[in-house]
Each structure stands twice: as structure tokens, then as C-alpha cells.
Amino acid sequence: MAYYTSKNPAHIGTIVTLNGCEQRDVVEADTDGVRGYVVRALKDSNGKLVLDGDDVVLEKVWGKVEAFPAQKADA
């Protein structure tokens, strides 16, 4: 099991998938087998962030979570 958070500089650039689909705007992820979870920013039907006042609304989604280091482009 691995725990990832956007507050840890070592995790910046990590690619997170949920049930095989790459996730965007992830602030937290846990790769605990088939019951892992992703906490991500909630978006409306137009792809815009949902706000509650000045705060971004977050949603927690459960499933098979995997995390991979991002591939660096060749210089």
C-alpha cells in the first residue's frame, strides 16, 4: 500500500490511475489493492472546477488505484 499526497514534493508529477483511467487534479491517493481511493477536485459537466465559496469541492472515489512516476521527456 502506498499513500500519495499533493503536499509532498516527492509525489509531484506522479501519474495516478483509477480503474485503469488516468486521473487529473488529484490531491490524495491510496493504492490499497481493490479498495484504494482517490481524492480529486470535482468538475462540472463543462469541465470547470466546482467551488464552494473560495474552496474547490473535492470528491473521494474508491476503486483500483495505481500510481506511477511520470516519464521525463528526453532533453
Protein backbone atom coordinates (compact mmCIF):
# COMPACT_ATOMS: atom_id res chain seq x y z
CA MET A 1 0.00 0.00 0.00
CA ALA A 2 1.27 3.45 -0.88
CA TYR A 3 -0.16 6.80 0.10
CA TYR A 4 0.31 9.84 -2.15
CA THR A 5 -0.47 13.48 -1.44
CA SER A 6 -0.02 16.64 -3.47
CA LYS A 7 1.54 18.27 -0.38
CA ASN A 8 4.60 16.02 -0.66
CA PRO A 9 7.07 17.43 -3.24
CA ALA A 10 8.33 13.89 -3.97
CA HIS A 11 4.87 12.97 -5.33
CA ILE A 12 4.54 15.89 -7.75
CA GLY A 13 4.33 14.52 -11.28
CA THR A 14 3.07 11.11 -10.18
CA ILE A 15 0.54 9.61 -12.59
CA VAL A 16 -2.47 8.20 -10.75
CA THR A 17 -5.00 5.84 -12.34
CA LEU A 18 -8.39 4.75 -11.01
CA ASN A 19 -9.74 1.52 -12.51
CA GLY A 20 -7.23 1.99 -15.36
CA CYS A 21 -8.15 5.61 -16.20
CA GLU A 22 -5.66 8.42 -15.60
CA GLN A 23 -6.90 10.92 -13.02
CA ARG A 24 -6.42 14.69 -13.03
CA ASP A 25 -6.44 17.21 -10.17
CA VAL A 26 -5.66 14.52 -7.57
CA VAL A 27 -4.81 15.82 -4.09
CA GLU A 28 -4.58 12.43 -2.34
CA ALA A 29 -4.43 8.77 -3.37
CA ASP A 30 -4.11 5.41 -1.62
CA THR A 31 -3.17 2.31 -3.61
CA ASP A 32 -4.66 -0.22 -1.17
CA GLY A 33 -5.49 -3.12 -3.53
CA VAL A 34 -9.02 -3.08 -4.98
CA ARG A 35 -10.25 -0.73 -2.22
CA GLY A 36 -7.89 2.16 -2.87
CA TYR A 37 -9.19 5.67 -3.27
CA VAL A 38 -8.52 8.97 -4.99
CA VAL A 39 -9.44 12.40 -3.64
CA ARG A 40 -9.78 14.75 -6.59
CA ALA A 41 -11.23 18.11 -7.49
CA LEU A 42 -14.88 17.91 -8.54
CA LYS A 43 -15.68 19.27 -12.00
CA ASP A 44 -18.99 20.22 -13.55
CA SER A 45 -20.32 18.97 -16.91
CA ASN A 46 -18.26 21.67 -18.69
CA GLY A 47 -15.01 20.53 -17.07
CA LYS A 48 -14.81 23.54 -14.74
CA LEU A 49 -13.90 23.21 -11.07
CA VAL A 50 -16.85 23.25 -8.67
CA LEU A 51 -16.42 25.85 -5.94
CA ASP A 52 -17.97 26.31 -2.52
CA GLY A 53 -17.22 29.97 -1.89
CA ASP A 54 -13.46 30.21 -2.43
CA ASP A 55 -12.82 26.49 -1.85
CA VAL A 56 -12.59 23.79 -4.51
CA VAL A 57 -15.05 20.96 -3.82
CA LEU A 58 -13.31 17.58 -3.52
CA GLU A 59 -14.70 14.10 -4.09
CA LYS A 60 -13.42 10.76 -2.83
CA VAL A 61 -13.72 7.89 -5.32
CA TRP A 62 -12.98 4.25 -4.47
CA GLY A 63 -11.55 1.55 -6.74
CA LYS A 64 -8.32 0.02 -8.01
CA VAL A 65 -5.73 2.79 -7.74
CA GLU A 66 -2.23 2.65 -9.20
CA ALA A 67 0.49 5.30 -9.14
CA PHE A 68 3.48 5.59 -11.44
CA PRO A 69 6.35 8.08 -11.68
CA ALA A 70 5.86 10.40 -14.64
CA GLN A 71 8.18 9.71 -17.55
CA LYS A 72 10.63 12.54 -18.12
CA ALA A 73 10.99 13.78 -21.66
CA ASP A 74 14.41 13.34 -23.23
CA ALA A 75 16.42 16.55 -23.21
